[in-house]
Protein backbone atom coordinates (compact mmCIF):
# COMPACT_ATOMS: atom_id res chain seq x y z
CA UNK A 1 24.23 8.63 -14.08
CA UNK A 2 28.48 8.39 -14.62
CA UNK A 3 30.09 11.43 -15.49
CA UNK A 4 32.70 9.84 -17.53
CA UNK A 5 36.63 11.33 -17.15
CA UNK A 6 38.27 11.88 -19.91
CA UNK A 7 41.67 13.63 -20.83
CA UNK A 8 41.72 17.33 -21.05
CA UNK A 9 41.75 18.22 -24.93
CA UNK A 10 39.76 15.40 -26.20
CA UNK A 11 37.63 17.50 -28.47
CA UNK A 12 34.15 15.93 -27.13
CA UNK A 13 32.30 19.45 -28.24
CA UNK A 14 31.28 17.83 -31.58
CA UNK A 15 28.30 14.92 -31.47
CA UNK A 16 29.75 12.77 -33.53
CA UNK A 17 33.23 12.82 -32.33
CA UNK A 18 35.03 9.55 -32.05
CA UNK A 19 35.28 9.76 -27.91
CA UNK A 20 31.86 9.83 -27.64
CA UNK A 21 31.68 6.28 -28.63
CA UNK A 22 33.32 5.52 -25.09
CA UNK A 23 30.99 7.03 -22.81
CA UNK A 24 27.98 5.15 -22.37
CA UNK A 25 24.56 6.86 -23.00
CA UNK A 26 21.39 6.65 -20.11
CA UNK A 27 17.76 6.32 -21.75
CA UNK A 28 16.02 9.21 -20.09
CA UNK A 29 12.01 8.95 -20.27
CA UNK A 30 10.07 12.17 -20.58
CA UNK A 31 6.51 13.17 -20.56
CA UNK A 32 4.52 16.43 -21.00
CA UNK A 33 5.03 19.17 -18.71
CA UNK A 34 1.52 18.86 -17.04
CA UNK A 35 -1.43 21.56 -18.70
CA UNK A 36 -2.64 22.82 -15.33
CA UNK A 37 1.11 24.17 -14.81
CA UNK A 38 1.14 25.73 -17.88
CA UNK A 39 1.67 30.08 -17.19
CA UNK A 40 -1.92 30.90 -17.96
CA UNK A 41 -4.86 30.15 -19.21
CA UNK A 42 -5.12 31.14 -22.74
CA UNK A 43 -2.34 28.17 -22.94
CA UNK A 44 -4.32 25.65 -20.88
CA UNK A 45 -7.56 26.29 -23.25
CA UNK A 46 -5.57 26.40 -26.31
CA UNK A 47 -4.00 23.45 -25.90
CA UNK A 48 -6.53 21.68 -24.23
CA UNK A 49 -7.12 18.90 -26.49
CA UNK A 50 -4.11 18.73 -28.29
CA UNK A 51 -0.62 16.66 -27.61
CA UNK A 52 2.15 18.08 -26.62
CA UNK A 53 5.64 17.25 -25.20
CA UNK A 54 5.59 13.67 -26.95
CA UNK A 55 9.38 12.98 -27.50
CA UNK A 56 9.02 9.58 -25.43
CA UNK A 57 12.79 9.71 -24.13
CA UNK A 58 15.94 11.05 -24.95
CA UNK A 59 19.89 9.50 -24.52
CA UNK A 60 21.89 11.21 -22.42
CA UNK A 61 25.98 10.89 -21.68
CA UNK A 62 27.91 12.80 -19.48
CA UNK A 63 32.19 13.83 -19.67
CA UNK A 64 34.50 15.85 -18.77
CA UNK A 65 38.01 16.96 -18.28
CA UNK A 66 37.98 18.76 -15.24
CA UNK A 67 37.27 21.79 -16.60
CA UNK A 68 34.35 21.66 -18.82
CA UNK A 69 31.32 19.31 -18.84
CA UNK A 70 30.16 17.56 -22.04
CA UNK A 71 26.37 16.81 -22.12
CA UNK A 72 25.50 14.48 -25.40
CA UNK A 73 21.74 14.08 -25.58
CA UNK A 74 20.19 12.31 -28.83
CA UNK A 75 16.17 11.99 -29.60
CA UNK A 76 14.46 10.68 -32.94
CA UNK A 77 13.18 14.27 -34.51
CA UNK A 78 9.89 14.20 -35.73
CA UNK A 79 9.19 13.94 -39.76
CA UNK A 80 7.13 16.70 -39.81
CA UNK A 81 8.57 19.97 -40.87
CA UNK A 82 9.29 22.84 -38.63
CA UNK A 83 7.29 26.16 -39.04
CA UNK A 84 7.31 29.15 -36.71
CA UNK A 85 8.97 27.02 -33.91
CA UNK A 86 12.33 25.44 -33.71
CA UNK A 87 13.48 22.27 -32.15
CA UNK A 88 15.28 22.52 -29.09
CA UNK A 89 17.04 20.84 -25.82
CA UNK A 90 17.83 21.78 -22.22
CA UNK A 91 20.11 20.04 -19.79
CA UNK A 92 18.38 21.26 -16.52
CA UNK A 93 20.47 21.47 -13.39
CA UNK A 94 19.07 22.29 -9.69
CA UNK A 95 20.03 25.82 -8.83
CA UNK A 96 20.29 24.68 -4.96
CA UNK A 97 20.35 21.11 -4.73
CA UNK A 98 16.77 20.40 -5.60
CA UNK A 99 13.83 21.52 -7.65
CA UNK A 100 10.52 20.42 -9.49
CA UNK A 101 12.07 18.99 -12.67
CA UNK A 102 9.07 17.91 -13.86
CA UNK A 103 7.58 21.63 -13.99
CA UNK A 104 10.70 23.00 -14.91
CA UNK A 105 11.31 24.47 -11.62
CA UNK A 106 8.77 27.21 -9.57
CA UNK A 107 9.17 30.40 -7.68
CA UNK A 108 11.01 28.86 -4.99
CA UNK A 109 13.12 26.22 -6.40
CA UNK A 110 13.91 27.46 -9.59
CA UNK A 111 16.37 25.43 -11.99
CA UNK A 112 18.77 26.44 -14.26
CA UNK A 113 18.46 25.47 -17.77
CA UNK A 114 21.91 25.15 -21.02
CA UNK A 115 19.48 26.08 -23.45
CA UNK A 116 20.52 24.88 -27.33
CA UNK A 117 17.52 25.67 -30.21
CA UNK A 118 18.28 24.73 -33.63
CA UNK A 119 19.31 28.20 -35.91
CA UNK A 120 20.14 30.16 -32.41
CA UNK A 121 23.74 31.38 -32.96
CA UNK A 122 24.66 30.37 -29.50
CA UNK A 123 23.65 28.54 -26.53
CA UNK A 124 21.57 30.13 -23.68
CA UNK A 125 22.40 29.93 -19.79
CA UNK A 126 18.77 30.27 -18.36
CA UNK A 127 17.25 29.84 -15.19
CA UNK A 128 13.45 28.73 -15.00
CA UNK A 129 10.92 29.00 -12.43
CA UNK A 130 8.23 27.61 -14.25
CA UNK A 131 7.08 26.61 -17.07
CA UNK A 132 7.43 29.27 -19.78
CA UNK A 133 8.82 31.71 -16.87
CA UNK A 134 12.63 31.81 -18.19
CA UNK A 135 15.32 34.30 -17.64
CA UNK A 136 18.72 35.13 -19.00
CA UNK A 137 21.53 33.84 -16.37
CA UNK A 138 25.09 35.11 -16.56
CA UNK A 139 28.49 32.60 -15.90
CA UNK A 140 31.12 30.87 -17.41
CA UNK A 141 31.48 30.52 -20.96
CA UNK A 142 28.61 27.97 -22.42
CA UNK A 143 28.53 26.71 -26.29
CA UNK A 144 26.54 24.06 -27.94
CA UNK A 145 26.64 22.17 -31.30
CA UNK A 146 23.40 20.09 -32.89
CA UNK A 147 23.38 17.96 -35.80
CA UNK A 148 20.31 16.04 -37.48
CA UNK A 149 21.32 13.04 -39.25
CA UNK A 150 19.10 10.15 -40.34
CA UNK A 151 16.43 11.85 -38.66
CA UNK A 152 17.81 11.80 -35.53
CA UNK A 153 19.02 14.91 -33.77
CA UNK A 154 22.59 14.73 -31.67
CA UNK A 155 23.79 18.12 -29.25
CA UNK A 156 26.93 18.34 -27.22
CA UNK A 157 26.77 21.32 -24.25
CA UNK A 158 30.06 22.39 -23.38
CA UNK A 159 29.88 24.60 -19.74
CA UNK A 160 32.12 24.32 -16.80
CA UNK A 161 32.81 21.63 -14.93
CA UNK A 162 31.59 22.88 -11.42
CA UNK A 163 27.90 22.14 -12.79
CA UNK A 164 28.20 18.66 -12.60
CA UNK A 165 28.75 19.33 -8.60
CA UNK A 166 24.81 20.07 -8.72
CA UNK A 167 25.02 16.62 -8.29
CA UNK A 168 21.66 16.18 -10.59
CA UNK A 169 20.63 16.27 -14.05
CA UNK A 170 17.48 16.28 -16.14
CA UNK A 171 16.29 17.06 -19.74
CA UNK A 172 13.58 19.12 -21.56
CA UNK A 173 12.73 18.82 -25.38
CA UNK A 174 10.25 20.71 -27.69
CA UNK A 175 9.85 19.71 -30.85
CA UNK A 176 9.12 22.82 -33.60
CA UNK A 177 7.17 21.15 -36.04
CA UNK A 178 4.47 20.69 -33.10
CA UNK A 179 4.59 24.57 -31.96
CA UNK A 180 6.51 23.46 -28.72
CA UNK A 181 8.05 26.01 -26.71
CA UNK A 182 8.14 27.88 -23.71
CA UNK A 183 6.49 25.15 -21.04
CA UNK A 184 5.03 23.36 -23.75
CA UNK A 185 7.65 20.44 -23.79
CA UNK A 186 8.22 16.75 -22.69
CA UNK A 187 10.63 16.94 -19.50
CA UNK A 188 12.25 14.34 -17.10
CA UNK A 189 9.84 13.17 -14.82
CA UNK A 190 12.71 12.72 -11.98
CA UNK A 191 16.68 13.96 -11.51
CA UNK A 192 18.98 11.71 -12.40
CA UNK A 193 22.37 11.40 -9.69
CA UNK A 194 25.29 12.71 -11.68
CA UNK A 195 28.53 10.92 -10.52
CA UNK A 196 31.89 11.97 -10.87
CA UNK A 197 34.84 9.64 -10.61
């Protein structure tokens, strides 16, 4: 997918910013992280007869002013109210040129996540070595803003433009009303190439 080049200070940190109308989105198909890949027997047993990761797709747009990479993700929310867990989304990048996107990485090929969760005061930078195997990572400033309108979430991540140099991106979406968290997510099954101008 193309990373649209924009002028510095254009103001894309808000999902409803008018500048996003000039950045064409790509529809990304999502599917659940496989049950066999879940990190323990308890989760595999508890969810064997229960659907998760049912968000079928999301729209993804990306732009850069040379200093920051802006990633906008939009998806249809479930109408059911959230209880214990909140809706969340992650922009996923390879850490070493490759990685298992469909399982959110593995022990040998971890992936990096820019993670936003509704109600959390700030975005998180995470390293994932498989479903539910996350740890916080250090790095340059990362921010995210999300809005819910007419049943659709729109979230914009703003992070260092150097992330685009990794050349690939994927997505993960968690539906809070279905108690989705950790490895119980809808995830891209293949990497999308990031094409810089």
